[in-house]
C-alpha atoms as a PDB file:
ATOM      1  CA  MET A   1      -0.013   0.015   0.062  1.00  0.00           C
ATOM      2  CA  SER A   2       1.405   3.294  -1.112  1.00  0.00           C
ATOM      3  CA  LYS A   3       1.597   6.139   1.583  1.00  0.00           C
ATOM      4  CA  TYR A   4       0.508   8.647  -0.832  1.00  0.00           C
ATOM      5  CA  PRO A   5      -2.903   8.654  -2.512  1.00  0.00           C
ATOM      6  CA  SER A   6      -4.222   6.971  -5.590  1.00  0.00           C
ATOM      7  CA  ASN A   7      -4.697  10.070  -7.373  1.00  0.00           C
ATOM      8  CA  TRP A   8      -1.339  11.677  -6.210  1.00  0.00           C
ATOM      9  CA  ALA A   9       0.118  12.212  -9.838  1.00  0.00           C
ATOM     10  CA  GLU A  10      -2.801  14.315 -10.537  1.00  0.00           C
ATOM     11  CA  ILE A  11      -2.309  16.270  -7.673  1.00  0.00           C
ATOM     12  CA  VAL A  12       1.037  17.012  -8.456  1.00  0.00           C
ATOM     13  CA  LYS A  13       0.082  18.625 -11.572  1.00  0.00           C
ATOM     14  CA  VAL A  14      -2.325  21.027 -10.345  1.00  0.00           C
ATOM     15  CA  VAL A  15       0.429  21.808  -7.697  1.00  0.00           C
ATOM     16  CA  LYS A  16       3.158  22.480 -10.465  1.00  0.00           C
ATOM     17  CA  ALA A  17       0.286  24.404 -12.638  1.00  0.00           C
ATOM     18  CA  ARG A  18      -0.530  26.488  -9.294  1.00  0.00           C
ATOM     19  CA  ALA A  19       3.331  27.630  -8.992  1.00  0.00           C
ATOM     20  CA  GLY A  20       3.739  28.255 -12.688  1.00  0.00           C
ATOM     21  CA  ASN A  21       6.217  25.487 -13.147  1.00  0.00           C
ATOM     22  CA  ARG A  22       8.472  27.368 -10.515  1.00  0.00           C
ATOM     23  CA  CYS A  23       9.754  26.735  -7.061  1.00  0.00           C
ATOM     24  CA  GLU A  24       7.282  28.408  -4.834  1.00  0.00           C
ATOM     25  CA  CYS A  25       9.738  28.225  -1.836  1.00  0.00           C
ATOM     26  CA  ASN A  26      10.081  31.866  -0.301  1.00  0.00           C
ATOM     27  CA  GLY A  27      12.914  31.723   1.857  1.00  0.00           C
ATOM     28  CA  LEU A  28      11.656  29.038   4.188  1.00  0.00           C
ATOM     29  CA  CYS A  29      14.657  26.877   3.272  1.00  0.00           C
ATOM     30  CA  GLY A  30      17.241  29.927   4.237  1.00  0.00           C
ATOM     31  CA  LYS A  31      19.125  29.468   0.714  1.00  0.00           C
ATOM     32  CA  HIS A  32      17.709  32.346  -0.365  1.00  0.00           C
ATOM     33  CA  GLU A  33      15.500  35.867   0.357  1.00  0.00           C
ATOM     34  CA  GLY A  34      12.262  36.213  -1.344  1.00  0.00           C
ATOM     35  CA  ARG A  35      10.546  33.407  -3.654  1.00  0.00           C
ATOM     36  CA  CYS A  36      13.072  30.885  -5.246  1.00  0.00           C
ATOM     37  CA  GLU A  37      14.431  31.563  -8.640  1.00  0.00           C
ATOM     38  CA  CYS A  38      14.232  27.860  -9.671  1.00  0.00           C
ATOM     39  CA  VAL A  39      12.313  27.136 -13.113  1.00  0.00           C
ATOM     40  CA  ASN A  40      11.408  23.222 -13.797  1.00  0.00           C
ATOM     41  CA  GLY A  41      13.661  22.106 -16.249  1.00  0.00           C
ATOM     42  CA  GLN A  42      16.334  24.873 -16.163  1.00  0.00           C
ATOM     43  CA  PRO A  43      19.639  25.379 -14.345  1.00  0.00           C
ATOM     44  CA  ASN A  44      19.458  25.916 -10.800  1.00  0.00           C
ATOM     45  CA  PRO A  45      20.968  29.575 -10.314  1.00  0.00           C
ATOM     46  CA  ARG A  46      22.853  28.439  -7.557  1.00  0.00           C
ATOM     47  CA  THR A  47      23.989  24.871  -7.975  1.00  0.00           C
ATOM     48  CA  LYS A  48      23.541  24.994 -12.073  1.00  0.00           C
ATOM     49  CA  SER A  49      22.218  21.439 -11.819  1.00  0.00           C
ATOM     50  CA  LYS A  50      18.737  20.609 -13.766  1.00  0.00           C
ATOM     51  CA  VAL A  51      15.854  21.806 -11.499  1.00  0.00           C
ATOM     52  CA  VAL A  52      13.228  18.896 -10.966  1.00  0.00           C
ATOM     53  CA  LEU A  53      10.390  20.370  -9.170  1.00  0.00           C
ATOM     54  CA  THR A  54       8.925  18.222  -6.034  1.00  0.00           C
ATOM     55  CA  THR A  55       5.823  18.665  -4.147  1.00  0.00           C
ATOM     56  CA  ALA A  56       6.375  19.067  -0.379  1.00  0.00           C
ATOM     57  CA  HIS A  57       3.852  18.621   2.522  1.00  0.00           C
ATOM     58  CA  TYR A  58       4.438  21.508   4.798  1.00  0.00           C
ATOM     59  CA  PRO A  59       4.052  22.080   7.588  1.00  0.00           C
ATOM     60  CA  ASP A  60       2.192  18.810   8.032  1.00  0.00           C
ATOM     61  CA  PRO A  61       4.574  15.909   6.534  1.00  0.00           C
ATOM     62  CA  ASP A  62       1.929  13.204   6.368  1.00  0.00           C
ATOM     63  CA  PRO A  63       1.475  12.186   2.806  1.00  0.00           C
ATOM     64  CA  GLN A  64      -1.969  11.683   3.123  1.00  0.00           C
ATOM     65  CA  ASN A  65      -2.711  15.470   4.045  1.00  0.00           C
ATOM     66  CA  VAL A  66      -2.962  16.475   0.436  1.00  0.00           C
ATOM     67  CA  ASP A  67      -4.923  20.239   1.306  1.00  0.00           C
ATOM     68  CA  MET A  68      -3.512  22.581  -1.165  1.00  0.00           C
ATOM     69  CA  LYS A  69      -2.443  24.727   1.444  1.00  0.00           C
ATOM     70  CA  ASN A  70      -0.383  22.095   2.838  1.00  0.00           C
ATOM     71  CA  LEU A  71       1.110  21.151  -0.603  1.00  0.00           C
ATOM     72  CA  HIS A  72       3.901  23.272  -2.497  1.00  0.00           C
ATOM     73  CA  SER A  73       6.084  22.692  -5.729  1.00  0.00           C
ATOM     74  CA  TRP A  74       9.844  23.070  -4.424  1.00  0.00           C
ATOM     75  CA  CYS A  75      12.730  22.554  -6.294  1.00  0.00           C
ATOM     76  CA  GLN A  76      14.837  19.897  -4.803  1.00  0.00           C
ATOM     77  CA  GLN A  77      17.344  21.796  -2.963  1.00  0.00           C
ATOM     78  CA  CYS A  78      14.579  23.782  -0.974  1.00  0.00           C
ATOM     79  CA  HIS A  79      12.914  20.742  -0.425  1.00  0.00           C
ATOM     80  CA  ASN A  80      15.626  18.775   0.890  1.00  0.00           C
ATOM     81  CA  THR A  81      16.821  21.445   3.072  1.00  0.00           C
ATOM     82  CA  VAL A  82      13.396  22.064   4.851  1.00  0.00           C
ATOM     83  CA  ASP A  83      12.849  18.453   5.316  1.00  0.00           C
ATOM     84  CA  ALA A  84      16.540  17.685   6.486  1.00  0.00           C
ATOM     85  CA  PRO A  85      15.811  18.059  10.252  1.00  0.00           C
ATOM     86  CA  MET A  86      12.750  15.720  10.106  1.00  0.00           C
ATOM     87  CA  ARG A  87      14.548  13.008   8.144  1.00  0.00           C
ATOM     88  CA  ALA A  88      17.575  13.056  10.626  1.00  0.00           C
ATOM     89  CA  LYS A  89      15.094  12.455  13.513  1.00  0.00           C
ATOM     90  CA  ASN A  90      13.391   9.232  11.181  1.00  0.00           C
ATOM     91  CA  ARG A  91      16.918   8.042  10.594  1.00  0.00           C
ATOM     92  CA  ALA A  92      17.614   8.304  14.422  1.00  0.00           C
ATOM     93  CA  GLU A  93      14.526   6.909  15.187  1.00  0.00           C
ATOM     94  CA  LYS A  94      14.921   3.526  12.823  1.00  0.00           C
ATOM     95  CA  ARG A  95      18.348   3.122  14.272  1.00  0.00           C
ATOM     96  CA  ARG A  96      17.085   3.139  17.745  1.00  0.00           C
ATOM     97  CA  GLN A  97      14.454   0.711  16.815  1.00  0.00           C
ATOM     98  CA  LYS A  98      16.751  -1.895  15.232  1.00  0.00           C
ATOM     99  CA  GLN A  99      19.004  -1.557  18.375  1.00  0.00           C
ATOM    100  CA  VAL A 100      15.984  -2.297  20.430  1.00  0.00           C
ATOM    101  CA  GLN A 101      14.867  -5.115  18.129  1.00  0.00           C
ATOM    102  CA  ALA A 102      18.624  -6.691  18.537  1.00  0.00           C
ATOM    103  CA  GLY A 103      18.350  -6.405  22.285  1.00  0.00           C
ATOM    104  CA  GLN A 104      21.190  -3.487  22.429  1.00  0.00           C
ATOM    105  CA  LEU A 105      18.612  -1.361  24.180  1.00  0.00           C
ATOM    106  CA  LYS A 106      16.018  -1.802  26.867  1.00  0.00           C
ATOM    107  CA  MET A 107      12.580  -0.006  26.258  1.00  0.00           C
ATOM    108  CA  PHE A 108      11.448   1.852  29.215  1.00  0.00           C
END
């Protein structure tokens, strides 16, 4: 079972169209001030790599929350930067769970 809704591809198209095929990040990532200049398929002005827009869930990271106010079309750099703390926390929790399952840590 996918963690995303069955109509995810259609939702992504709507979010990209709303964004005008540009990154919608307005500085939340801390990499720029104002709206990000990245355009889908064009070189990233900062990294020069080809921009591929992603659909971010923010502020609620739940993939099932497809409220349009929670979905944003962001370039990979902005999306990865904003999600980095959450991903690090998730990795640490998975490592901890593996240690508990292996008997290396006791659960209180």
